[in-house]
Amino acid sequence: MMRCDIMRRCTVVLLTLLSAFGGCAGLLCRVCSYSSDDPHASTDCIYSPALITGPNSQIHCNRSCFTQENFNLESLQIVSYMRTCSAKPDTGYCVDDTWSKVCYDSCRTDFCNDFSKPLHEVYPTQNKENPDVNYYPSGNAASHLRCIQSFCGSCLIAVGAFLLITRYAVE
């Protein structure tokens, strides 16, 4: 009976450690929007997202941080800009049509959508001959790699702690 109680406690400790060191399981994303139709709109969402504070300026997200920009090619103005949490897999590219360029980015580390440069200045236009190709700039690919490394390291720490606890509990 004592051994079952110890194993239950060890399981609780392991689950607590895994949730504490969850790596990329839950992340924080910047949330804001800009529309050129709003005469009172601030461009902080585009150029200075870290200046936006308050309870609605970030969201806990279990999917991806997502950013979308609509840029008017005729007026050379950003028409709308949005940062949020989304399940959309679109990552690092822009699509042109006659009048506008729409750019997308998604990422999976805390506040990875907090950059201060418009997407149309960062990402290339999607290859029209091969529209299924998404572009992954080195900064975004590096953040994905850090996320994987962090998660793997956290899991190793949690498993090591579990083995250590169960070893002493059984003796």
N, C-alpha and C. Protein backbone atom coordinates (compact mmCIF):
# COMPACT_ATOMS: atom_id res chain seq x y z
N MET A 1 0.82 -1.19 0.00
CA MET A 1 0.00 0.00 0.00
C MET A 1 0.87 1.26 0.00
N MET A 2 1.95 1.22 0.78
CA MET A 2 2.85 2.36 0.87
C MET A 2 3.51 2.64 -0.47
N ARG A 3 3.89 1.59 -1.20
CA ARG A 3 4.55 1.73 -2.50
C ARG A 3 3.62 2.40 -3.51
N CYS A 4 2.33 2.06 -3.52
CA CYS A 4 1.36 2.68 -4.44
C CYS A 4 1.23 4.17 -4.15
N ASP A 5 1.21 4.53 -2.86
CA ASP A 5 1.10 5.94 -2.49
C ASP A 5 2.33 6.70 -2.98
N ILE A 6 3.50 6.13 -2.82
CA ILE A 6 4.74 6.76 -3.28
C ILE A 6 4.73 6.92 -4.80
N MET A 7 4.28 5.91 -5.51
CA MET A 7 4.23 5.98 -6.97
C MET A 7 3.23 7.05 -7.42
N ARG A 8 2.11 7.17 -6.73
CA ARG A 8 1.14 8.21 -7.07
C ARG A 8 1.76 9.59 -6.88
N ARG A 9 2.46 9.78 -5.78
CA ARG A 9 3.11 11.06 -5.52
C ARG A 9 4.18 11.35 -6.57
N CYS A 10 4.92 10.35 -6.96
CA CYS A 10 5.95 10.53 -8.00
C CYS A 10 5.32 10.91 -9.33
N THR A 11 4.19 10.31 -9.63
CA THR A 11 3.49 10.65 -10.87
C THR A 11 3.02 12.09 -10.84
N VAL A 12 2.51 12.54 -9.71
CA VAL A 12 2.08 13.93 -9.57
C VAL A 12 3.27 14.87 -9.75
N VAL A 13 4.41 14.53 -9.16
CA VAL A 13 5.62 15.35 -9.30
C VAL A 13 6.05 15.40 -10.77
N LEU A 14 6.03 14.26 -11.46
CA LEU A 14 6.42 14.23 -12.86
C LEU A 14 5.50 15.10 -13.70
N LEU A 15 4.21 14.97 -13.50
CA LEU A 15 3.26 15.77 -14.27
C LEU A 15 3.44 17.26 -13.99
N THR A 16 3.71 17.61 -12.74
CA THR A 16 3.95 19.00 -12.38
C THR A 16 5.20 19.52 -13.08
N LEU A 17 6.28 18.72 -13.08
CA LEU A 17 7.51 19.13 -13.75
C LEU A 17 7.30 19.28 -15.25
N LEU A 18 6.59 18.36 -15.86
CA LEU A 18 6.34 18.44 -17.30
C LEU A 18 5.53 19.68 -17.65
N SER A 19 4.55 20.02 -16.82
CA SER A 19 3.75 21.21 -17.13
C SER A 19 4.57 22.48 -16.88
N ALA A 20 5.45 22.46 -15.87
CA ALA A 20 6.28 23.63 -15.58
C ALA A 20 7.32 23.85 -16.66
N PHE A 21 7.85 22.76 -17.21
CA PHE A 21 8.88 22.87 -18.24
C PHE A 21 8.30 22.55 -19.62
N GLY A 22 7.10 22.97 -19.87
CA GLY A 22 6.39 22.59 -21.10
C GLY A 22 6.99 23.10 -22.37
N GLY A 23 8.01 23.96 -22.33
CA GLY A 23 8.65 24.41 -23.54
C GLY A 23 7.69 25.18 -24.42
N CYS A 24 7.18 24.57 -25.47
CA CYS A 24 6.36 25.26 -26.45
C CYS A 24 4.89 24.91 -26.34
N ALA A 25 4.51 24.18 -25.31
CA ALA A 25 3.13 23.74 -25.21
C ALA A 25 2.18 24.92 -25.05
N GLY A 26 2.57 25.93 -24.34
CA GLY A 26 1.77 27.14 -24.18
C GLY A 26 2.70 28.33 -24.33
N LEU A 27 2.26 29.32 -25.06
CA LEU A 27 3.12 30.47 -25.28
C LEU A 27 2.31 31.75 -25.18
N LEU A 28 3.01 32.86 -25.10
CA LEU A 28 2.37 34.17 -25.05
C LEU A 28 2.53 34.85 -26.39
N CYS A 29 1.44 35.39 -26.90
CA CYS A 29 1.46 36.10 -28.18
C CYS A 29 1.01 37.54 -27.97
N ARG A 30 1.58 38.42 -28.77
CA ARG A 30 1.15 39.81 -28.78
C ARG A 30 -0.20 39.88 -29.49
N VAL A 31 -1.11 40.70 -28.99
CA VAL A 31 -2.43 40.88 -29.60
C VAL A 31 -2.66 42.37 -29.81
N CYS A 32 -2.90 42.76 -31.06
CA CYS A 32 -3.26 44.13 -31.39
C CYS A 32 -3.73 44.18 -32.83
N SER A 33 -4.30 45.30 -33.21
CA SER A 33 -4.72 45.45 -34.60
C SER A 33 -4.64 46.92 -34.99
N TYR A 34 -4.53 47.15 -36.27
CA TYR A 34 -4.50 48.48 -36.85
C TYR A 34 -5.35 48.48 -38.10
N SER A 35 -6.10 49.53 -38.31
CA SER A 35 -6.86 49.71 -39.54
C SER A 35 -6.74 51.16 -39.97
N SER A 36 -6.38 51.38 -41.23
CA SER A 36 -6.26 52.75 -41.73
C SER A 36 -7.62 53.44 -41.82
N ASP A 37 -8.71 52.68 -41.74
CA ASP A 37 -10.07 53.25 -41.75
C ASP A 37 -10.42 53.94 -40.43
N ASP A 38 -9.69 53.59 -39.36
CA ASP A 38 -9.96 54.17 -38.05
C ASP A 38 -9.12 55.43 -37.88
N PRO A 39 -9.75 56.61 -37.82
CA PRO A 39 -8.98 57.86 -37.71
C PRO A 39 -8.20 58.00 -36.40
N HIS A 40 -8.57 57.21 -35.38
CA HIS A 40 -7.89 57.27 -34.09
C HIS A 40 -6.87 56.13 -33.91
N ALA A 41 -6.67 55.35 -34.93
CA ALA A 41 -5.79 54.18 -34.82
C ALA A 41 -4.33 54.61 -34.66
N SER A 42 -3.66 53.90 -33.78
CA SER A 42 -2.23 54.11 -33.55
C SER A 42 -1.44 53.09 -34.37
N THR A 43 -0.32 53.51 -34.89
CA THR A 43 0.54 52.58 -35.64
C THR A 43 1.46 51.78 -34.72
N ASP A 44 1.27 51.90 -33.40
CA ASP A 44 2.11 51.12 -32.47
C ASP A 44 2.01 49.63 -32.73
N CYS A 45 0.86 49.15 -33.16
CA CYS A 45 0.71 47.72 -33.45
C CYS A 45 1.68 47.28 -34.54
N ILE A 46 1.98 48.17 -35.46
CA ILE A 46 2.89 47.85 -36.57
C ILE A 46 4.35 48.05 -36.16
N TYR A 47 4.67 49.23 -35.64
CA TYR A 47 6.06 49.62 -35.43
C TYR A 47 6.59 49.49 -34.00
N SER A 48 5.71 49.47 -33.01
CA SER A 48 6.14 49.42 -31.61
C SER A 48 5.20 48.56 -30.77
N PRO A 49 5.03 47.29 -31.10
CA PRO A 49 4.04 46.48 -30.39
C PRO A 49 4.33 46.31 -28.90
N ALA A 50 5.59 46.41 -28.50
CA ALA A 50 5.93 46.25 -27.08
C ALA A 50 5.40 47.43 -26.25
N LEU A 51 5.09 48.55 -26.89
CA LEU A 51 4.54 49.70 -26.17
C LEU A 51 3.08 49.52 -25.81
N ILE A 52 2.43 48.58 -26.46
CA ILE A 52 1.02 48.31 -26.17
C ILE A 52 0.95 47.44 -24.93
N THR A 53 0.32 47.94 -23.90
CA THR A 53 0.25 47.21 -22.63
C THR A 53 -1.20 47.05 -22.20
N GLY A 54 -1.38 46.33 -21.14
CA GLY A 54 -2.72 46.13 -20.61
C GLY A 54 -3.14 44.68 -20.75
N PRO A 55 -4.28 44.34 -20.15
CA PRO A 55 -4.71 42.94 -20.12
C PRO A 55 -5.05 42.36 -21.49
N ASN A 56 -5.38 43.19 -22.47
CA ASN A 56 -5.73 42.67 -23.79
C ASN A 56 -4.58 42.76 -24.80
N SER A 57 -3.38 43.04 -24.33
CA SER A 57 -2.25 43.20 -25.24
C SER A 57 -1.50 41.89 -25.48
N GLN A 58 -1.84 40.85 -24.74
CA GLN A 58 -1.21 39.54 -24.93
C GLN A 58 -2.23 38.45 -24.64
N ILE A 59 -1.94 37.28 -25.18
CA ILE A 59 -2.84 36.15 -25.00
C ILE A 59 -2.03 34.88 -24.81
N HIS A 60 -2.51 34.02 -23.92
CA HIS A 60 -1.89 32.70 -23.75
C HIS A 60 -2.41 31.81 -24.87
N CYS A 61 -1.51 31.18 -25.59
CA CYS A 61 -1.88 30.50 -26.83
C CYS A 61 -1.26 29.10 -26.87
N ASN A 62 -2.05 28.11 -27.26
CA ASN A 62 -1.54 26.75 -27.42
C ASN A 62 -1.38 26.36 -28.89
N ARG A 63 -1.43 27.35 -29.76
CA ARG A 63 -1.26 27.08 -31.19
C ARG A 63 -0.05 27.85 -31.71
N SER A 64 -0.25 28.92 -32.46
CA SER A 64 0.84 29.73 -32.99
C SER A 64 0.52 31.20 -32.84
N CYS A 65 1.56 32.00 -32.64
CA CYS A 65 1.39 33.44 -32.73
C CYS A 65 1.29 33.76 -34.22
N PHE A 66 0.39 34.64 -34.59
CA PHE A 66 0.11 34.89 -35.99
C PHE A 66 0.07 36.39 -36.27
N THR A 67 0.62 36.80 -37.40
CA THR A 67 0.60 38.19 -37.83
C THR A 67 0.17 38.25 -39.28
N GLN A 68 -0.69 39.20 -39.61
CA GLN A 68 -1.13 39.39 -40.99
C GLN A 68 -1.12 40.88 -41.30
N GLU A 69 -0.63 41.20 -42.49
CA GLU A 69 -0.58 42.59 -42.94
C GLU A 69 -1.21 42.70 -44.33
N ASN A 70 -2.01 43.74 -44.53
CA ASN A 70 -2.54 44.09 -45.85
C ASN A 70 -1.91 45.41 -46.26
N PHE A 71 -1.19 45.38 -47.37
CA PHE A 71 -0.44 46.54 -47.84
C PHE A 71 -0.97 46.94 -49.21
N ASN A 72 -1.35 48.22 -49.38
CA ASN A 72 -1.88 48.73 -50.64
C ASN A 72 -0.71 49.09 -51.55
N LEU A 73 -0.59 48.43 -52.70
CA LEU A 73 0.51 48.66 -53.63
C LEU A 73 0.38 49.98 -54.37
N GLU A 74 -0.81 50.51 -54.47
CA GLU A 74 -1.02 51.78 -55.16
C GLU A 74 -0.64 52.97 -54.27
N SER A 75 -1.14 52.98 -53.05
CA SER A 75 -0.85 54.09 -52.13
C SER A 75 0.43 53.87 -51.32
N LEU A 76 0.96 52.64 -51.36
CA LEU A 76 2.14 52.24 -50.57
C LEU A 76 1.91 52.47 -49.07
N GLN A 77 0.70 52.14 -48.63
CA GLN A 77 0.32 52.28 -47.23
C GLN A 77 -0.15 50.94 -46.68
N ILE A 78 0.08 50.74 -45.39
CA ILE A 78 -0.47 49.56 -44.71
C ILE A 78 -1.95 49.85 -44.44
N VAL A 79 -2.80 48.99 -44.94
CA VAL A 79 -4.24 49.15 -44.80
C VAL A 79 -4.72 48.54 -43.48
N SER A 80 -4.18 47.37 -43.15
CA SER A 80 -4.53 46.73 -41.87
C SER A 80 -3.39 45.86 -41.41
N TYR A 81 -3.36 45.66 -40.10
CA TYR A 81 -2.29 44.87 -39.48
C TYR A 81 -2.90 44.19 -38.26
N MET A 82 -2.59 42.90 -38.07
CA MET A 82 -3.17 42.15 -36.96
C MET A 82 -2.13 41.20 -36.37
N ARG A 83 -2.07 41.17 -35.04
CA ARG A 83 -1.24 40.21 -34.30
C ARG A 83 -2.18 39.46 -33.36
N THR A 84 -2.08 38.12 -33.34
CA THR A 84 -3.00 37.34 -32.51
C THR A 84 -2.48 35.91 -32.35
N CYS A 85 -3.33 35.04 -31.81
CA CYS A 85 -3.08 33.60 -31.71
C CYS A 85 -3.96 32.93 -32.76
N SER A 86 -3.42 31.97 -33.47
CA SER A 86 -4.21 31.31 -34.51
C SER A 86 -3.64 29.93 -34.81
N ALA A 87 -4.46 29.09 -35.40
CA ALA A 87 -4.02 27.76 -35.84
C ALA A 87 -3.52 27.80 -37.28
N LYS A 88 -3.53 28.98 -37.90
CA LYS A 88 -3.10 29.07 -39.29
C LYS A 88 -1.62 28.74 -39.42
N PRO A 89 -1.26 27.90 -40.39
CA PRO A 89 0.13 27.50 -40.56
C PRO A 89 0.94 28.44 -41.45
N ASP A 90 0.33 29.53 -41.95
CA ASP A 90 1.03 30.42 -42.87
C ASP A 90 2.25 31.03 -42.21
N THR A 91 3.39 30.90 -42.87
CA THR A 91 4.63 31.36 -42.25
C THR A 91 5.52 32.10 -43.24
N GLY A 92 5.77 33.35 -42.97
CA GLY A 92 6.81 34.10 -43.64
C GLY A 92 6.74 34.26 -45.14
N TYR A 93 5.65 34.79 -45.66
CA TYR A 93 5.60 35.09 -47.09
C TYR A 93 4.51 36.12 -47.37
N CYS A 94 4.57 36.67 -48.57
CA CYS A 94 3.57 37.64 -49.02
C CYS A 94 3.00 37.17 -50.36
N VAL A 95 1.76 37.57 -50.62
CA VAL A 95 1.10 37.26 -51.89
C VAL A 95 0.63 38.58 -52.48
N ASP A 96 1.00 38.84 -53.75
CA ASP A 96 0.58 40.06 -54.44
C ASP A 96 -0.61 39.78 -55.34
N ASP A 97 -1.48 40.78 -55.44
CA ASP A 97 -2.44 40.79 -56.54
C ASP A 97 -2.29 42.17 -57.20
N THR A 98 -3.24 42.59 -57.97
CA THR A 98 -3.10 43.85 -58.71
C THR A 98 -2.93 45.06 -57.79
N TRP A 99 -3.69 45.12 -56.71
CA TRP A 99 -3.72 46.33 -55.88
C TRP A 99 -3.10 46.17 -54.51
N SER A 100 -2.89 44.96 -54.08
CA SER A 100 -2.44 44.80 -52.70
C SER A 100 -1.44 43.65 -52.54
N LYS A 101 -0.80 43.68 -51.40
CA LYS A 101 0.11 42.61 -50.99
C LYS A 101 -0.37 42.19 -49.60
N VAL A 102 -0.61 40.89 -49.42
CA VAL A 102 -1.02 40.36 -48.11
C VAL A 102 0.12 39.48 -47.62
N CYS A 103 0.59 39.76 -46.41
CA CYS A 103 1.71 39.02 -45.84
C CYS A 103 1.28 38.29 -44.58
N TYR A 104 1.90 37.13 -44.36
CA TYR A 104 1.54 36.26 -43.24
C TYR A 104 2.80 35.81 -42.51
N ASP A 105 2.66 35.61 -41.22
CA ASP A 105 3.74 35.02 -40.43
C ASP A 105 3.14 34.29 -39.24
N SER A 106 3.68 33.14 -38.90
CA SER A 106 3.31 32.45 -37.67
C SER A 106 4.57 31.89 -37.05
N CYS A 107 4.55 31.73 -35.74
CA CYS A 107 5.73 31.26 -35.02
C CYS A 107 5.29 30.67 -33.68
N ARG A 108 6.22 29.97 -32.97
CA ARG A 108 5.83 29.26 -31.76
C ARG A 108 6.81 29.47 -30.59
N THR A 109 7.16 30.71 -30.31
CA THR A 109 7.90 31.02 -29.08
C THR A 109 7.25 32.26 -28.46
N ASP A 110 7.46 32.47 -27.16
CA ASP A 110 6.84 33.61 -26.49
C ASP A 110 7.15 34.93 -27.20
N PHE A 111 6.11 35.68 -27.48
CA PHE A 111 6.18 37.00 -28.09
C PHE A 111 6.99 37.03 -29.40
N CYS A 112 7.00 35.93 -30.11
CA CYS A 112 7.72 35.89 -31.39
C CYS A 112 7.06 36.78 -32.43
N ASN A 113 5.81 37.20 -32.20
CA ASN A 113 5.15 38.12 -33.13
C ASN A 113 5.26 39.56 -32.64
N ASP A 114 6.33 39.86 -31.92
CA ASP A 114 6.53 41.17 -31.31
C ASP A 114 7.55 42.02 -32.08
N PHE A 115 7.91 41.61 -33.30
CA PHE A 115 8.90 42.34 -34.09
C PHE A 115 8.32 43.69 -34.51
N SER A 116 9.21 44.63 -34.83
CA SER A 116 8.75 46.01 -35.08
C SER A 116 8.99 46.47 -36.52
N LYS A 117 8.90 45.56 -37.45
CA LYS A 117 9.07 45.91 -38.85
C LYS A 117 7.88 45.37 -39.64
N PRO A 118 7.32 46.14 -40.56
CA PRO A 118 6.19 45.64 -41.35
C PRO A 118 6.58 44.38 -42.14
N LEU A 119 5.64 43.46 -42.24
CA LEU A 119 5.92 42.18 -42.91
C LEU A 119 6.31 42.37 -44.37
N HIS A 120 5.71 43.34 -45.07
CA HIS A 120 6.03 43.51 -46.49
C HIS A 120 7.48 43.93 -46.70
N GLU A 121 8.15 44.45 -45.66
CA GLU A 121 9.57 44.81 -45.74
C GLU A 121 10.48 43.64 -45.39
N VAL A 122 9.91 42.58 -44.84
CA VAL A 122 10.71 41.45 -44.37
C VAL A 122 10.64 40.26 -45.31
N TYR A 123 9.44 39.90 -45.74
CA TYR A 123 9.24 38.65 -46.46
C TYR A 123 9.11 38.86 -47.96
N PRO A 124 9.61 37.90 -48.71
CA PRO A 124 9.48 37.98 -50.17
C PRO A 124 8.07 37.61 -50.62
N THR A 125 7.76 37.98 -51.83
CA THR A 125 6.48 37.59 -52.42
C THR A 125 6.56 36.12 -52.78
N GLN A 126 5.48 35.40 -52.51
CA GLN A 126 5.44 33.97 -52.78
C GLN A 126 5.68 33.70 -54.26
N ASN A 127 6.38 32.62 -54.53
CA ASN A 127 6.70 32.20 -55.88
C ASN A 127 5.42 31.82 -56.62
N LYS A 128 5.08 32.56 -57.66
CA LYS A 128 3.83 32.30 -58.38
C LYS A 128 3.85 30.98 -59.16
N GLU A 129 5.05 30.52 -59.56
CA GLU A 129 5.15 29.24 -60.26
C GLU A 129 4.96 28.07 -59.31
N ASN A 130 5.28 28.26 -58.03
CA ASN A 130 5.16 27.20 -57.04
C ASN A 130 4.48 27.78 -55.80
N PRO A 131 3.16 28.00 -55.85
CA PRO A 131 2.47 28.70 -54.75
C PRO A 131 2.43 27.93 -53.44
N ASP A 132 2.78 26.65 -53.43
CA ASP A 132 2.75 25.89 -52.18
C ASP A 132 4.01 26.11 -51.34
N VAL A 133 4.99 26.81 -51.87
CA VAL A 133 6.24 27.03 -51.14
C VAL A 133 6.06 28.20 -50.19
N ASN A 134 6.31 27.96 -48.91
CA ASN A 134 6.34 29.03 -47.93
C ASN A 134 7.79 29.35 -47.62
N TYR A 135 8.07 30.60 -47.33
CA TYR A 135 9.43 31.03 -47.04
C TYR A 135 9.63 31.06 -45.53
N TYR A 136 10.74 30.51 -45.08
CA TYR A 136 11.08 30.51 -43.66
C TYR A 136 12.38 31.26 -43.49
N PRO A 137 12.33 32.54 -43.14
CA PRO A 137 13.57 33.28 -42.96
C PRO A 137 14.37 32.71 -41.79
N SER A 138 15.65 32.94 -41.82
CA SER A 138 16.54 32.30 -40.84
C SER A 138 16.14 32.62 -39.40
N GLY A 139 15.68 33.83 -39.11
CA GLY A 139 15.28 34.17 -37.75
C GLY A 139 14.13 33.31 -37.27
N ASN A 140 13.14 33.09 -38.11
CA ASN A 140 11.99 32.29 -37.72
C ASN A 140 12.38 30.83 -37.58
N ALA A 141 13.19 30.32 -38.50
CA ALA A 141 13.63 28.93 -38.42
C ALA A 141 14.45 28.72 -37.15
N ALA A 142 15.26 29.72 -36.81
CA ALA A 142 16.07 29.60 -35.60
C ALA A 142 15.19 29.56 -34.36
N SER A 143 14.11 30.34 -34.35
CA SER A 143 13.24 30.31 -33.17
C SER A 143 12.53 28.96 -33.05
N HIS A 144 12.18 28.34 -34.19
CA HIS A 144 11.58 27.00 -34.15
C HIS A 144 12.58 25.99 -33.58
N LEU A 145 13.86 26.09 -33.97
CA LEU A 145 14.88 25.18 -33.47
C LEU A 145 15.09 25.38 -31.97
N ARG A 146 15.15 26.63 -31.51
CA ARG A 146 15.29 26.89 -30.07
C ARG A 146 14.13 26.30 -29.29
N CYS A 147 12.94 26.38 -29.85
CA CYS A 147 11.74 25.85 -29.21
C CYS A 147 11.88 24.34 -29.02
N ILE A 148 12.29 23.65 -30.06
CA ILE A 148 12.45 22.19 -30.00
C ILE A 148 13.53 21.82 -29.00
N GLN A 149 14.67 22.54 -29.04
CA GLN A 149 15.75 22.25 -28.10
C GLN A 149 15.31 22.49 -26.66
N SER A 150 14.58 23.57 -26.42
CA SER A 150 14.11 23.89 -25.09
C SER A 150 13.16 22.81 -24.58
N PHE A 151 12.24 22.38 -25.44
CA PHE A 151 11.27 21.36 -25.05
C PHE A 151 11.98 20.04 -24.73
N CYS A 152 12.93 19.62 -25.58
CA CYS A 152 13.66 18.37 -25.34
C CYS A 152 14.46 18.44 -24.04
N GLY A 153 15.12 19.57 -23.81
CA GLY A 153 15.88 19.73 -22.57
C GLY A 153 14.99 19.67 -21.35
N SER A 154 13.84 20.30 -21.43
CA SER A 154 12.88 20.28 -20.31
C SER A 154 12.38 18.88 -20.03
N CYS A 155 12.10 18.12 -21.09
CA CYS A 155 11.64 16.74 -20.90
C CYS A 155 12.72 15.89 -20.25
N LEU A 156 13.96 16.07 -20.65
CA LEU A 156 15.05 15.31 -20.05
C LEU A 156 15.19 15.62 -18.56
N ILE A 157 15.06 16.89 -18.20
CA ILE A 157 15.14 17.28 -16.79
C ILE A 157 14.01 16.62 -16.01
N ALA A 158 12.78 16.67 -16.55
CA ALA A 158 11.62 16.10 -15.86
C ALA A 158 11.76 14.59 -15.70
N VAL A 159 12.18 13.90 -16.75
CA VAL A 159 12.35 12.44 -16.68
C VAL A 159 13.45 12.09 -15.69
N GLY A 160 14.55 12.84 -15.71
CA GLY A 160 15.64 12.60 -14.76
C GLY A 160 15.17 12.77 -13.32
N ALA A 161 14.40 13.83 -13.07
CA ALA A 161 13.88 14.06 -11.72
C ALA A 161 12.95 12.92 -11.31
N PHE A 162 12.10 12.47 -12.22
CA PHE A 162 11.18 11.38 -11.93
C PHE A 162 11.95 10.10 -11.57
N LEU A 163 12.96 9.78 -12.36
CA LEU A 163 13.75 8.57 -12.08
C LEU A 163 14.47 8.66 -10.74
N LEU A 164 15.00 9.83 -10.45
CA LEU A 164 15.68 10.03 -9.18
C LEU A 164 14.72 9.87 -8.00
N ILE A 165 13.53 10.47 -8.11
CA ILE A 165 12.54 10.37 -7.03
C ILE A 165 12.08 8.92 -6.85
N THR A 166 11.77 8.24 -7.96
CA THR A 166 11.28 6.87 -7.83
C THR A 166 12.37 5.93 -7.31
N ARG A 167 13.61 6.22 -7.65
CA ARG A 167 14.71 5.36 -7.15
C ARG A 167 14.78 5.43 -5.63
N TYR A 168 14.72 6.64 -5.08
CA TYR A 168 14.79 6.78 -3.63
C TYR A 168 13.50 6.36 -2.94
N ALA A 169 12.39 6.49 -3.63
CA ALA A 169 11.10 6.10 -3.04
C ALA A 169 10.98 4.59 -2.91
N VAL A 170 11.55 3.87 -3.85
CA VAL A 170 11.43 2.41 -3.85
C VAL A 170 12.39 1.79 -2.84
N GLU A 171 13.53 2.43 -2.61
CA GLU A 171 14.54 1.86 -1.69
C GLU A 171 14.11 1.86 -0.27
